[in-house]
Amino acid sequence: IEPAFSEYRKSLEAEQVEIKAVQLTAESGWHLPIDEIARAVAGC
């Protein structure tokens, strides 16, 4: 979930993990887009 603490991405990329990002926005008050996340986790 972006934006995120930079160590998440750094440590994952060091292990060749493929990152699928879900972007939070100021327009939504930076709240979790539950439906979008629920779709994104398939295969992860």
PDB file of all heavy atoms in Angstrom:
ATOM      1  N   ILE A   1       0.866  -1.182   0.000  1.00  0.00           N
ATOM      2  CA  ILE A   1       0.000   0.000   0.000  1.00  0.00           C
ATOM      3  C   ILE A   1       0.898   1.225   0.000  1.00  0.00           C
ATOM      4  O   ILE A   1       1.651   1.462   0.943  1.00  0.00           O
ATOM      5  CB  ILE A   1      -0.914   0.006   1.249  1.00  0.00           C
ATOM      6  CG1 ILE A   1      -1.655  -1.332   1.409  1.00  0.00           C
ATOM      7  CG2 ILE A   1      -1.886   1.171   1.174  1.00  0.00           C
ATOM      8  CD1 ILE A   1      -2.567  -1.685   0.269  1.00  0.00           C
ATOM      9  N   GLU A   2       0.856   1.982  -1.082  1.00  0.00           N
ATOM     10  CA  GLU A   2       1.695   3.180  -1.218  1.00  0.00           C
ATOM     11  C   GLU A   2       0.891   4.442  -0.912  1.00  0.00           C
ATOM     12  O   GLU A   2      -0.295   4.493  -1.229  1.00  0.00           O
ATOM     13  CB  GLU A   2       2.255   3.268  -2.636  1.00  0.00           C
ATOM     14  CG  GLU A   2       3.179   2.117  -3.031  1.00  0.00           C
ATOM     15  CD  GLU A   2       4.593   2.270  -2.509  1.00  0.00           C
ATOM     16  OE1 GLU A   2       4.819   3.116  -1.613  1.00  0.00           O
ATOM     17  OE2 GLU A   2       5.459   1.533  -2.980  1.00  0.00           O
ATOM     18  N   PRO A   3       1.527   5.468  -0.311  1.00  0.00           N
ATOM     19  CA  PRO A   3       2.924   5.518   0.118  1.00  0.00           C
ATOM     20  C   PRO A   3       3.183   4.602   1.303  1.00  0.00           C
ATOM     21  O   PRO A   3       2.267   4.275   2.054  1.00  0.00           O
ATOM     22  CB  PRO A   3       3.109   6.996   0.501  1.00  0.00           C
ATOM     23  CG  PRO A   3       1.746   7.470   0.879  1.00  0.00           C
ATOM     24  CD  PRO A   3       0.796   6.732  -0.011  1.00  0.00           C
ATOM     25  N   ALA A   4       4.449   4.202   1.456  1.00  0.00           N
ATOM     26  CA  ALA A   4       4.789   3.237   2.486  1.00  0.00           C
ATOM     27  C   ALA A   4       6.191   3.493   3.017  1.00  0.00           C
ATOM     28  O   ALA A   4       7.023   4.131   2.357  1.00  0.00           O
ATOM     29  CB  ALA A   4       4.698   1.818   1.930  1.00  0.00           C
ATOM     30  N   PHE A   5       6.443   2.974   4.207  1.00  0.00           N
ATOM     31  CA  PHE A   5       7.771   2.968   4.814  1.00  0.00           C
ATOM     32  C   PHE A   5       8.755   2.361   3.820  1.00  0.00           C
ATOM     33  O   PHE A   5       8.527   1.266   3.297  1.00  0.00           O
ATOM     34  CB  PHE A   5       7.696   2.141   6.101  1.00  0.00           C
ATOM     35  CG  PHE A   5       8.992   1.973   6.843  1.00  0.00           C
ATOM     36  CD1 PHE A   5       9.875   3.024   7.036  1.00  0.00           C
ATOM     37  CD2 PHE A   5       9.325   0.736   7.381  1.00  0.00           C
ATOM     38  CE1 PHE A   5      11.061   2.862   7.734  1.00  0.00           C
ATOM     39  CE2 PHE A   5      10.498   0.552   8.094  1.00  0.00           C
ATOM     40  CZ  PHE A   5      11.371   1.617   8.262  1.00  0.00           C
ATOM     41  N   SER A   6       9.838   3.075   3.539  1.00  0.00           N
ATOM     42  CA  SER A   6      10.726   2.691   2.441  1.00  0.00           C
ATOM     43  C   SER A   6      11.383   1.331   2.639  1.00  0.00           C
ATOM     44  O   SER A   6      11.764   0.665   1.667  1.00  0.00           O
ATOM     45  CB  SER A   6      11.810   3.757   2.239  1.00  0.00           C
ATOM     46  OG  SER A   6      12.610   3.887   3.405  1.00  0.00           O
ATOM     47  N   GLU A   7      11.522   0.873   3.887  1.00  0.00           N
ATOM     48  CA  GLU A   7      12.187  -0.406   4.127  1.00  0.00           C
ATOM     49  C   GLU A   7      11.389  -1.593   3.590  1.00  0.00           C
ATOM     50  O   GLU A   7      11.967  -2.650   3.307  1.00  0.00           O
ATOM     51  CB  GLU A   7      12.453  -0.591   5.624  1.00  0.00           C
ATOM     52  CG  GLU A   7      13.582   0.261   6.157  1.00  0.00           C
ATOM     53  CD  GLU A   7      14.900   0.028   5.420  1.00  0.00           C
ATOM     54  OE1 GLU A   7      15.270  -1.146   5.204  1.00  0.00           O
ATOM     55  OE2 GLU A   7      15.550   1.019   5.034  1.00  0.00           O
ATOM     56  N   TYR A   8      10.068  -1.443   3.466  1.00  0.00           N
ATOM     57  CA  TYR A   8       9.288  -2.534   2.877  1.00  0.00           C
ATOM     58  C   TYR A   8       9.823  -2.846   1.480  1.00  0.00           C
ATOM     59  O   TYR A   8      10.201  -3.970   1.163  1.00  0.00           O
ATOM     60  CB  TYR A   8       7.813  -2.166   2.745  1.00  0.00           C
ATOM     61  CG  TYR A   8       7.065  -1.807   3.991  1.00  0.00           C
ATOM     62  CD1 TYR A   8       5.850  -1.131   3.918  1.00  0.00           C
ATOM     63  CD2 TYR A   8       7.526  -2.142   5.258  1.00  0.00           C
ATOM     64  CE1 TYR A   8       5.131  -0.795   5.051  1.00  0.00           C
ATOM     65  CE2 TYR A   8       6.809  -1.808   6.399  1.00  0.00           C
ATOM     66  CZ  TYR A   8       5.607  -1.125   6.290  1.00  0.00           C
ATOM     67  OH  TYR A   8       4.899  -0.788   7.403  1.00  0.00           O
ATOM     68  N   ARG A   9       9.820  -1.811   0.643  1.00  0.00           N
ATOM     69  CA  ARG A   9      10.220  -1.998  -0.757  1.00  0.00           C
ATOM     70  C   ARG A   9      11.693  -2.377  -0.868  1.00  0.00           C
ATOM     71  O   ARG A   9      12.055  -3.266  -1.641  1.00  0.00           O
ATOM     72  CB  ARG A   9       9.928  -0.726  -1.556  1.00  0.00           C
ATOM     73  CG  ARG A   9      10.273  -0.825  -3.033  1.00  0.00           C
ATOM     74  CD  ARG A   9       9.848   0.410  -3.794  1.00  0.00           C
ATOM     75  NE  ARG A   9       8.410   0.455  -4.004  1.00  0.00           N
ATOM     76  CZ  ARG A   9       7.778  -0.109  -5.025  1.00  0.00           C
ATOM     77  NH1 ARG A   9       8.469  -0.775  -5.938  1.00  0.00           N
ATOM     78  NH2 ARG A   9       6.470   0.005  -5.143  1.00  0.00           N
ATOM     79  N   LYS A  10      12.560  -1.734  -0.108  1.00  0.00           N
ATOM     80  CA  LYS A  10      13.986  -2.019  -0.188  1.00  0.00           C
ATOM     81  C   LYS A  10      14.287  -3.474   0.141  1.00  0.00           C
ATOM     82  O   LYS A  10      15.051  -4.145  -0.562  1.00  0.00           O
ATOM     83  CB  LYS A  10      14.764  -1.104   0.768  1.00  0.00           C
ATOM     84  CG  LYS A  10      14.992   0.295   0.242  1.00  0.00           C
ATOM     85  CD  LYS A  10      15.886   1.058   1.191  1.00  0.00           C
ATOM     86  CE  LYS A  10      16.234   2.427   0.631  1.00  0.00           C
ATOM     87  NZ  LYS A  10      17.117   3.179   1.556  1.00  0.00           N
ATOM     88  N   SER A  11      13.706  -3.948   1.256  1.00  0.00           N
ATOM     89  CA  SER A  11      13.989  -5.325   1.666  1.00  0.00           C
ATOM     90  C   SER A  11      13.393  -6.325   0.681  1.00  0.00           C
ATOM     91  O   SER A  11      14.004  -7.352   0.377  1.00  0.00           O
ATOM     92  CB  SER A  11      13.461  -5.577   3.088  1.00  0.00           C
ATOM     93  OG  SER A  11      12.063  -5.340   3.170  1.00  0.00           O
ATOM     94  N   LEU A  12      12.205  -6.043   0.160  1.00  0.00           N
ATOM     95  CA  LEU A  12      11.566  -6.952  -0.795  1.00  0.00           C
ATOM     96  C   LEU A  12      12.324  -6.993  -2.121  1.00  0.00           C
ATOM     97  O   LEU A  12      12.560  -8.067  -2.689  1.00  0.00           O
ATOM     98  CB  LEU A  12      10.114  -6.533  -1.030  1.00  0.00           C
ATOM     99  CG  LEU A  12       9.161  -6.750   0.155  1.00  0.00           C
ATOM    100  CD1 LEU A  12       7.842  -6.024  -0.079  1.00  0.00           C
ATOM    101  CD2 LEU A  12       8.909  -8.234   0.397  1.00  0.00           C
ATOM    102  N   GLU A  13      12.708  -5.838  -2.623  1.00  0.00           N
ATOM    103  CA  GLU A  13      13.429  -5.805  -3.896  1.00  0.00           C
ATOM    104  C   GLU A  13      14.780  -6.500  -3.788  1.00  0.00           C
ATOM    105  O   GLU A  13      15.260  -7.091  -4.761  1.00  0.00           O
ATOM    106  CB  GLU A  13      13.591  -4.360  -4.367  1.00  0.00           C
ATOM    107  CG  GLU A  13      12.274  -3.740  -4.842  1.00  0.00           C
ATOM    108  CD  GLU A  13      12.415  -2.317  -5.318  1.00  0.00           C
ATOM    109  OE1 GLU A  13      13.432  -1.671  -4.967  1.00  0.00           O
ATOM    110  OE2 GLU A  13      11.518  -1.832  -6.042  1.00  0.00           O
ATOM    111  N   ALA A  14      15.391  -6.463  -2.598  1.00  0.00           N
ATOM    112  CA  ALA A  14      16.671  -7.146  -2.402  1.00  0.00           C
ATOM    113  C   ALA A  14      16.523  -8.659  -2.544  1.00  0.00           C
ATOM    114  O   ALA A  14      17.498  -9.363  -2.830  1.00  0.00           O
ATOM    115  CB  ALA A  14      17.237  -6.808  -1.029  1.00  0.00           C
ATOM    116  N   GLU A  15      15.304  -9.169  -2.362  1.00  0.00           N
ATOM    117  CA  GLU A  15      15.029 -10.605  -2.487  1.00  0.00           C
ATOM    118  C   GLU A  15      14.275 -10.932  -3.779  1.00  0.00           C
ATOM    119  O   GLU A  15      13.660 -11.987  -3.906  1.00  0.00           O
ATOM    120  CB  GLU A  15      14.220 -11.091  -1.280  1.00  0.00           C
ATOM    121  CG  GLU A  15      14.931 -10.953   0.053  1.00  0.00           C
ATOM    122  CD  GLU A  15      16.081 -11.938   0.216  1.00  0.00           C
ATOM    123  OE1 GLU A  15      16.256 -12.813  -0.670  1.00  0.00           O
ATOM    124  OE2 GLU A  15      16.809 -11.833   1.216  1.00  0.00           O
ATOM    125  N   GLN A  16      14.326 -10.007  -4.737  1.00  0.00           N
ATOM    126  CA  GLN A  16      13.694 -10.213  -6.050  1.00  0.00           C
ATOM    127  C   GLN A  16      12.195 -10.504  -5.927  1.00  0.00           C
ATOM    128  O   GLN A  16      11.628 -11.325  -6.663  1.00  0.00           O
ATOM    129  CB  GLN A  16      14.375 -11.336  -6.842  1.00  0.00           C
ATOM    130  CG  GLN A  16      15.762 -10.984  -7.348  1.00  0.00           C
ATOM    131  CD  GLN A  16      16.809 -11.019  -6.246  1.00  0.00           C
ATOM    132  OE1 GLN A  16      16.918 -12.017  -5.536  1.00  0.00           O
ATOM    133  NE2 GLN A  16      17.569  -9.951  -6.092  1.00  0.00           N
ATOM    134  N   VAL A  17      11.558  -9.839  -4.989  1.00  0.00           N
ATOM    135  CA  VAL A  17      10.106  -9.963  -4.837  1.00  0.00           C
ATOM    136  C   VAL A  17       9.431  -9.018  -5.827  1.00  0.00           C
ATOM    137  O   VAL A  17       9.820  -7.850  -5.949  1.00  0.00           O
ATOM    138  CB  VAL A  17       9.671  -9.619  -3.394  1.00  0.00           C
ATOM    139  CG1 VAL A  17       8.148  -9.672  -3.258  1.00  0.00           C
ATOM    140  CG2 VAL A  17      10.325 -10.574  -2.401  1.00  0.00           C
ATOM    141  N   GLU A  18       8.419  -9.508  -6.512  1.00  0.00           N
ATOM    142  CA  GLU A  18       7.637  -8.659  -7.423  1.00  0.00           C
ATOM    143  C   GLU A  18       6.634  -7.866  -6.589  1.00  0.00           C
ATOM    144  O   GLU A  18       5.877  -8.430  -5.804  1.00  0.00           O
ATOM    145  CB  GLU A  18       6.886  -9.515  -8.450  1.00  0.00           C
ATOM    146  CG  GLU A  18       6.041  -8.687  -9.416  1.00  0.00           C
ATOM    147  CD  GLU A  18       5.223  -9.558 -10.351  1.00  0.00           C
ATOM    148  OE1 GLU A  18       5.524 -10.762 -10.478  1.00  0.00           O
ATOM    149  OE2 GLU A  18       4.254  -9.025 -10.940  1.00  0.00           O
ATOM    150  N   ILE A  19       6.624  -6.560  -6.752  1.00  0.00           N
ATOM    151  CA  ILE A  19       5.762  -5.690  -5.946  1.00  0.00           C
ATOM    152  C   ILE A  19       4.576  -5.208  -6.767  1.00  0.00           C
ATOM    153  O   ILE A  19       4.739  -4.660  -7.859  1.00  0.00           O
ATOM    154  CB  ILE A  19       6.554  -4.500  -5.383  1.00  0.00           C
ATOM    155  CG1 ILE A  19       7.624  -4.993  -4.402  1.00  0.00           C
ATOM    156  CG2 ILE A  19       5.617  -3.504  -4.695  1.00  0.00           C
ATOM    157  CD1 ILE A  19       8.572  -3.931  -3.926  1.00  0.00           C
ATOM    158  N   LYS A  20       3.406  -5.424  -6.214  1.00  0.00           N
ATOM    159  CA  LYS A  20       2.167  -4.937  -6.823  1.00  0.00           C
ATOM    160  C   LYS A  20       1.652  -3.815  -5.923  1.00  0.00           C
ATOM    161  O   LYS A  20       1.278  -4.047  -4.768  1.00  0.00           O
ATOM    162  CB  LYS A  20       1.155  -6.084  -6.905  1.00  0.00           C
ATOM    163  CG  LYS A  20      -0.089  -5.785  -7.706  1.00  0.00           C
ATOM    164  CD  LYS A  20      -0.929  -7.054  -7.824  1.00  0.00           C
ATOM    165  CE  LYS A  20      -2.141  -6.849  -8.716  1.00  0.00           C
ATOM    166  NZ  LYS A  20      -2.921  -8.117  -8.854  1.00  0.00           N
ATOM    167  N   ALA A  21       1.638  -2.587  -6.407  1.00  0.00           N
ATOM    168  CA  ALA A  21       1.305  -1.436  -5.572  1.00  0.00           C
ATOM    169  C   ALA A  21      -0.167  -1.064  -5.683  1.00  0.00           C
ATOM    170  O   ALA A  21      -0.748  -1.089  -6.765  1.00  0.00           O
ATOM    171  CB  ALA A  21       2.171  -0.240  -5.951  1.00  0.00           C
ATOM    172  N   VAL A  22      -0.758  -0.711  -4.538  1.00  0.00           N
ATOM    173  CA  VAL A  22      -2.086  -0.104  -4.479  1.00  0.00           C
ATOM    174  C   VAL A  22      -1.894   1.289  -3.900  1.00  0.00           C
ATOM    175  O   VAL A  22      -1.360   1.445  -2.797  1.00  0.00           O
ATOM    176  CB  VAL A  22      -3.047  -0.927  -3.604  1.00  0.00           C
ATOM    177  CG1 VAL A  22      -4.368  -0.182  -3.424  1.00  0.00           C
ATOM    178  CG2 VAL A  22      -3.294  -2.300  -4.216  1.00  0.00           C
ATOM    179  N   GLN A  23      -2.321   2.311  -4.639  1.00  0.00           N
ATOM    180  CA  GLN A  23      -2.026   3.689  -4.279  1.00  0.00           C
ATOM    181  C   GLN A  23      -3.135   4.327  -3.445  1.00  0.00           C
ATOM    182  O   GLN A  23      -4.301   4.343  -3.854  1.00  0.00           O
ATOM    183  CB  GLN A  23      -1.805   4.519  -5.549  1.00  0.00           C
ATOM    184  CG  GLN A  23      -1.393   5.949  -5.291  1.00  0.00           C
ATOM    185  CD  GLN A  23      -0.006   6.053  -4.675  1.00  0.00           C
ATOM    186  OE1 GLN A  23       0.938   5.425  -5.145  1.00  0.00           O
ATOM    187  NE2 GLN A  23       0.112   6.849  -3.616  1.00  0.00           N
ATOM    188  N   LEU A  24      -2.767   4.850  -2.281  1.00  0.00           N
ATOM    189  CA  LEU A  24      -3.684   5.681  -1.502  1.00  0.00           C
ATOM    190  C   LEU A  24      -3.666   7.091  -2.080  1.00  0.00           C
ATOM    191  O   LEU A  24      -2.685   7.508  -2.696  1.00  0.00           O
ATOM    192  CB  LEU A  24      -3.265   5.728  -0.031  1.00  0.00           C
ATOM    193  CG  LEU A  24      -3.127   4.396   0.711  1.00  0.00           C
ATOM    194  CD1 LEU A  24      -2.744   4.654   2.165  1.00  0.00           C
ATOM    195  CD2 LEU A  24      -4.406   3.594   0.630  1.00  0.00           C
ATOM    196  N   THR A  25      -4.743   7.842  -1.843  1.00  0.00           N
ATOM    197  CA  THR A  25      -4.823   9.201  -2.383  1.00  0.00           C
ATOM    198  C   THR A  25      -5.320  10.188  -1.342  1.00  0.00           C
ATOM    199  O   THR A  25      -6.056   9.823  -0.420  1.00  0.00           O
ATOM    200  CB  THR A  25      -5.776   9.258  -3.594  1.00  0.00           C
ATOM    201  OG1 THR A  25      -7.108   8.957  -3.156  1.00  0.00           O
ATOM    202  CG2 THR A  25      -5.349   8.269  -4.678  1.00  0.00           C
ATOM    203  N   ALA A  26      -4.910  11.427  -1.520  1.00  0.00           N
ATOM    204  CA  ALA A  26      -5.398  12.491  -0.637  1.00  0.00           C
ATOM    205  C   ALA A  26      -6.892  12.694  -0.808  1.00  0.00           C
ATOM    206  O   ALA A  26      -7.602  13.014   0.151  1.00  0.00           O
ATOM    207  CB  ALA A  26      -4.653  13.788  -0.948  1.00  0.00           C
ATOM    208  N   GLU A  27      -7.396  12.503  -2.030  1.00  0.00           N
ATOM    209  CA  GLU A  27      -8.829  12.710  -2.309  1.00  0.00           C
ATOM    210  C   GLU A  27      -9.702  11.775  -1.481  1.00  0.00           C
ATOM    211  O   GLU A  27     -10.821  12.132  -1.114  1.00  0.00           O
ATOM    212  CB  GLU A  27      -9.102  12.489  -3.799  1.00  0.00           C
ATOM    213  CG  GLU A  27      -8.509  13.562  -4.714  1.00  0.00           C
ATOM    214  CD  GLU A  27      -7.008  13.453  -4.864  1.00  0.00           C
ATOM    215  OE1 GLU A  27      -6.447  12.363  -4.623  1.00  0.00           O
ATOM    216  OE2 GLU A  27      -6.378  14.485  -5.205  1.00  0.00           O
ATOM    217  N   SER A  28      -9.199  10.595  -1.165  1.00  0.00           N
ATOM    218  CA  SER A  28      -9.972   9.642  -0.356  1.00  0.00           C
ATOM    219  C   SER A  28      -9.603   9.709   1.121  1.00  0.00           C
ATOM    220  O   SER A  28      -9.980   8.828   1.892  1.00  0.00           O
ATOM    221  CB  SER A  28      -9.743   8.219  -0.871  1.00  0.00           C
ATOM    222  OG  SER A  28      -8.395   7.831  -0.664  1.00  0.00           O
ATOM    223  N   GLY A  29      -8.855  10.736   1.496  1.00  0.00           N
ATOM    224  CA  GLY A  29      -8.444  10.868   2.888  1.00  0.00           C
ATOM    225  C   GLY A  29      -7.388   9.858   3.291  1.00  0.00           C
ATOM    226  O   GLY A  29      -7.196   9.589   4.475  1.00  0.00           O
ATOM    227  N   TRP A  30      -6.686   9.287   2.303  1.00  0.00           N
ATOM    228  CA  TRP A  30      -5.641   8.289   2.532  1.00  0.00           C
ATOM    229  C   TRP A  30      -6.187   7.012   3.175  1.00  0.00           C
ATOM    230  O   TRP A  30      -5.461   6.263   3.821  1.00  0.00           O
ATOM    231  CB  TRP A  30      -4.496   8.859   3.375  1.00  0.00           C
ATOM    232  CG  TRP A  30      -3.911  10.118   2.805  1.00  0.00           C
ATOM    233  CD1 TRP A  30      -4.159  11.387   3.225  1.00  0.00           C
ATOM    234  CD2 TRP A  30      -2.992  10.242   1.704  1.00  0.00           C
ATOM    235  NE1 TRP A  30      -3.457  12.302   2.470  1.00  0.00           N
ATOM    236  CE2 TRP A  30      -2.731  11.624   1.527  1.00  0.00           C
ATOM    237  CE3 TRP A  30      -2.365   9.321   0.864  1.00  0.00           C
ATOM    238  CZ2 TRP A  30      -1.878  12.093   0.542  1.00  0.00           C
ATOM    239  CZ3 TRP A  30      -1.506   9.796  -0.122  1.00  0.00           C
ATOM    240  CH2 TRP A  30      -1.265  11.164  -0.276  1.00  0.00           C
ATOM    241  N   HIS A  31      -7.465   6.743   3.005  1.00  0.00           N
ATOM    242  CA  HIS A  31      -8.072   5.533   3.560  1.00  0.00           C
ATOM    243  C   HIS A  31      -7.840   4.344   2.626  1.00  0.00           C
ATOM    244  O   HIS A  31      -7.658   4.502   1.417  1.00  0.00           O
ATOM    245  CB  HIS A  31      -9.571   5.733   3.798  1.00  0.00           C
ATOM    246  CG  HIS A  31      -9.874   6.662   4.927  1.00  0.00           C
ATOM    247  ND1 HIS A  31      -9.589   6.358   6.237  1.00  0.00           N
ATOM    248  CD2 HIS A  31     -10.441   7.900   4.946  1.00  0.00           C
ATOM    249  CE1 HIS A  31      -9.966   7.367   7.020  1.00  0.00           C
ATOM    250  NE2 HIS A  31     -10.470   8.315   6.260  1.00  0.00           N
ATOM    251  N   LEU A  32      -7.865   3.143   3.190  1.00  0.00           N
ATOM    252  CA  LEU A  32      -7.632   1.934   2.411  1.00  0.00           C
ATOM    253  C   LEU A  32      -8.761   1.705   1.408  1.00  0.00           C
ATOM    254  O   LEU A  32      -9.933   1.664   1.800  1.00  0.00           O
ATOM    255  CB  LEU A  32      -7.545   0.722   3.338  1.00  0.00           C
ATOM    256  CG  LEU A  32      -6.368   0.679   4.320  1.00  0.00           C
ATOM    257  CD1 LEU A  32      -6.546  -0.495   5.285  1.00  0.00           C
ATOM    258  CD2 LEU A  32      -5.039   0.575   3.577  1.00  0.00           C
ATOM    259  N   PRO A  33      -8.455   1.504   0.135  1.00  0.00           N
ATOM    260  CA  PRO A  33      -9.481   1.144  -0.854  1.00  0.00           C
ATOM    261  C   PRO A  33      -9.722  -0.377  -0.775  1.00  0.00           C
ATOM    262  O   PRO A  33      -9.078  -1.155  -1.491  1.00  0.00           O
ATOM    263  CB  PRO A  33      -8.856   1.560  -2.182  1.00  0.00           C
ATOM    264  CG  PRO A  33      -7.378   1.434  -1.942  1.00  0.00           C
ATOM    265  CD  PRO A  33      -7.142   1.707  -0.484  1.00  0.00           C
ATOM    266  N   ILE A  34     -10.610  -0.782   0.092  1.00  0.00           N
ATOM    267  CA  ILE A  34     -10.769  -2.190   0.439  1.00  0.00           C
ATOM    268  C   ILE A  34     -11.046  -3.058  -0.785  1.00  0.00           C
ATOM    269  O   ILE A  34     -10.430  -4.118  -0.970  1.00  0.00           O
ATOM    270  CB  ILE A  34     -11.886  -2.366   1.489  1.00  0.00           C
ATOM    271  CG1 ILE A  34     -11.580  -1.536   2.750  1.00  0.00           C
ATOM    272  CG2 ILE A  34     -12.042  -3.837   1.852  1.00  0.00           C
ATOM    273  CD1 ILE A  34     -10.283  -1.884   3.426  1.00  0.00           C
ATOM    274  N   ASP A  35     -11.956  -2.633  -1.639  1.00  0.00           N
ATOM    275  CA  ASP A  35     -12.314  -3.449  -2.805  1.00  0.00           C
ATOM    276  C   ASP A  35     -11.128  -3.628  -3.749  1.00  0.00           C
ATOM    277  O   ASP A  35     -10.892  -4.721  -4.276  1.00  0.00           O
ATOM    278  CB  ASP A  35     -13.493  -2.817  -3.552  1.00  0.00           C
ATOM    279  CG  ASP A  35     -14.779  -2.882  -2.748  1.00  0.00           C
ATOM    280  OD1 ASP A  35     -14.852  -3.696  -1.806  1.00  0.00           O
ATOM    281  OD2 ASP A  35     -15.712  -2.119  -3.063  1.00  0.00           O
ATOM    282  N   GLU A  36     -10.383  -2.563  -3.982  1.00  0.00           N
ATOM    283  CA  GLU A  36      -9.218  -2.641  -4.869  1.00  0.00           C
ATOM    284  C   GLU A  36      -8.157  -3.566  -4.293  1.00  0.00           C
ATOM    285  O   GLU A  36      -7.554  -4.378  -5.016  1.00  0.00           O
ATOM    286  CB  GLU A  36      -8.640  -1.238  -5.090  1.00  0.00           C
ATOM    287  CG  GLU A  36      -7.458  -1.222  -6.050  1.00  0.00           C
ATOM    288  CD  GLU A  36      -6.869   0.164  -6.247  1.00  0.00           C
ATOM    289  OE1 GLU A  36      -7.448   1.146  -5.732  1.00  0.00           O
ATOM    290  OE2 GLU A  36      -5.819   0.255  -6.919  1.00  0.00           O
ATOM    291  N   ILE A  37      -7.931  -3.469  -2.987  1.00  0.00           N
ATOM    292  CA  ILE A  37      -6.947  -4.338  -2.338  1.00  0.00           C
ATOM    293  C   ILE A  37      -7.395  -5.796  -2.413  1.00  0.00           C
ATOM    294  O   ILE A  37      -6.592  -6.694  -2.686  1.00  0.00           O
ATOM    295  CB  ILE A  37      -6.732  -3.922  -0.869  1.00  0.00           C
ATOM    296  CG1 ILE A  37      -6.164  -2.496  -0.792  1.00  0.00           C
ATOM    297  CG2 ILE A  37      -5.786  -4.894  -0.167  1.00  0.00           C
ATOM    298  CD1 ILE A  37      -6.129  -1.920   0.608  1.00  0.00           C
ATOM    299  N   ALA A  38      -8.688  -6.019  -2.187  1.00  0.00           N
ATOM    300  CA  ALA A  38      -9.225  -7.384  -2.225  1.00  0.00           C
ATOM    301  C   ALA A  38      -9.000  -8.026  -3.593  1.00  0.00           C
ATOM    302  O   ALA A  38      -8.723  -9.228  -3.695  1.00  0.00           O
ATOM    303  CB  ALA A  38     -10.711  -7.374  -1.879  1.00  0.00           C
ATOM    304  N   ARG A  39      -9.091  -7.227  -4.646  1.00  0.00           N
ATOM    305  CA  ARG A  39      -8.827  -7.755  -5.995  1.00  0.00           C
ATOM    306  C   ARG A  39      -7.329  -7.997  -6.206  1.00  0.00           C
ATOM    307  O   ARG A  39      -6.929  -8.960  -6.846  1.00  0.00           O
ATOM    308  CB  ARG A  39      -9.358  -6.782  -7.058  1.00  0.00           C
ATOM    309  CG  ARG A  39     -10.879  -6.705  -7.129  1.00  0.00           C
ATOM    310  CD  ARG A  39     -11.301  -5.922  -8.365  1.00  0.00           C
ATOM    311  NE  ARG A  39     -10.857  -4.529  -8.333  1.00  0.00           N
ATOM    312  CZ  ARG A  39     -11.550  -3.522  -7.815  1.00  0.00           C
ATOM    313  NH1 ARG A  39     -12.738  -3.759  -7.250  1.00  0.00           N
ATOM    314  NH2 ARG A  39     -11.075  -2.286  -7.841  1.00  0.00           N
ATOM    315  N   ALA A  40      -6.519  -7.124  -5.629  1.00  0.00           N
ATOM    316  CA  ALA A  40      -5.081  -7.168  -5.888  1.00  0.00           C
ATOM    317  C   ALA A  40      -4.393  -8.370  -5.257  1.00  0.00           C
ATOM    318  O   ALA A  40      -3.371  -8.849  -5.782  1.00  0.00           O
ATOM    319  CB  ALA A  40      -4.421  -5.886  -5.384  1.00  0.00           C
ATOM    320  N   VAL A  41      -4.912  -8.886  -4.141  1.00  0.00           N
ATOM    321  CA  VAL A  41      -4.183  -9.936  -3.411  1.00  0.00           C
ATOM    322  C   VAL A  41      -4.229 -11.301  -4.089  1.00  0.00           C
ATOM    323  O   VAL A  41      -3.451 -12.200  -3.736  1.00  0.00           O
ATOM    324  CB  VAL A  41      -4.694 -10.066  -1.954  1.00  0.00           C
ATOM    325  CG1 VAL A  41      -4.417  -8.800  -1.166  1.00  0.00           C
ATOM    326  CG2 VAL A  41      -6.170 -10.419  -1.911  1.00  0.00           C
ATOM    327  N   ALA A  42      -5.122 -11.499  -5.045  1.00  0.00           N
ATOM    328  CA  ALA A  42      -5.182 -12.782  -5.751  1.00  0.00           C
ATOM    329  C   ALA A  42      -3.834 -13.081  -6.406  1.00  0.00           C
ATOM    330  O   ALA A  42      -3.271 -12.239  -7.103  1.00  0.00           O
ATOM    331  CB  ALA A  42      -6.286 -12.750  -6.806  1.00  0.00           C
ATOM    332  N   GLY A  43      -3.303 -14.257  -6.138  1.00  0.00           N
ATOM    333  CA  GLY A  43      -2.034 -14.652  -6.723  1.00  0.00           C
ATOM    334  C   GLY A  43      -0.816 -14.082  -6.021  1.00  0.00           C
ATOM    335  O   GLY A  43       0.305 -14.215  -6.524  1.00  0.00           O
ATOM    336  N   CYS A  44      -1.027 -13.463  -4.866  1.00  0.00           N
ATOM    337  CA  CYS A  44       0.086 -12.853  -4.137  1.00  0.00           C
ATOM    338  C   CYS A  44       0.396 -13.638  -2.856  1.00  0.00           C
ATOM    339  O   CYS A  44      -0.484 -14.263  -2.265  1.00  0.00           O
ATOM    340  CB  CYS A  44      -0.235 -11.403  -3.783  1.00  0.00           C
ATOM    341  SG  CYS A  44      -0.356 -10.324  -5.239  1.00  0.00           S
TER     342      CYS A  44
END
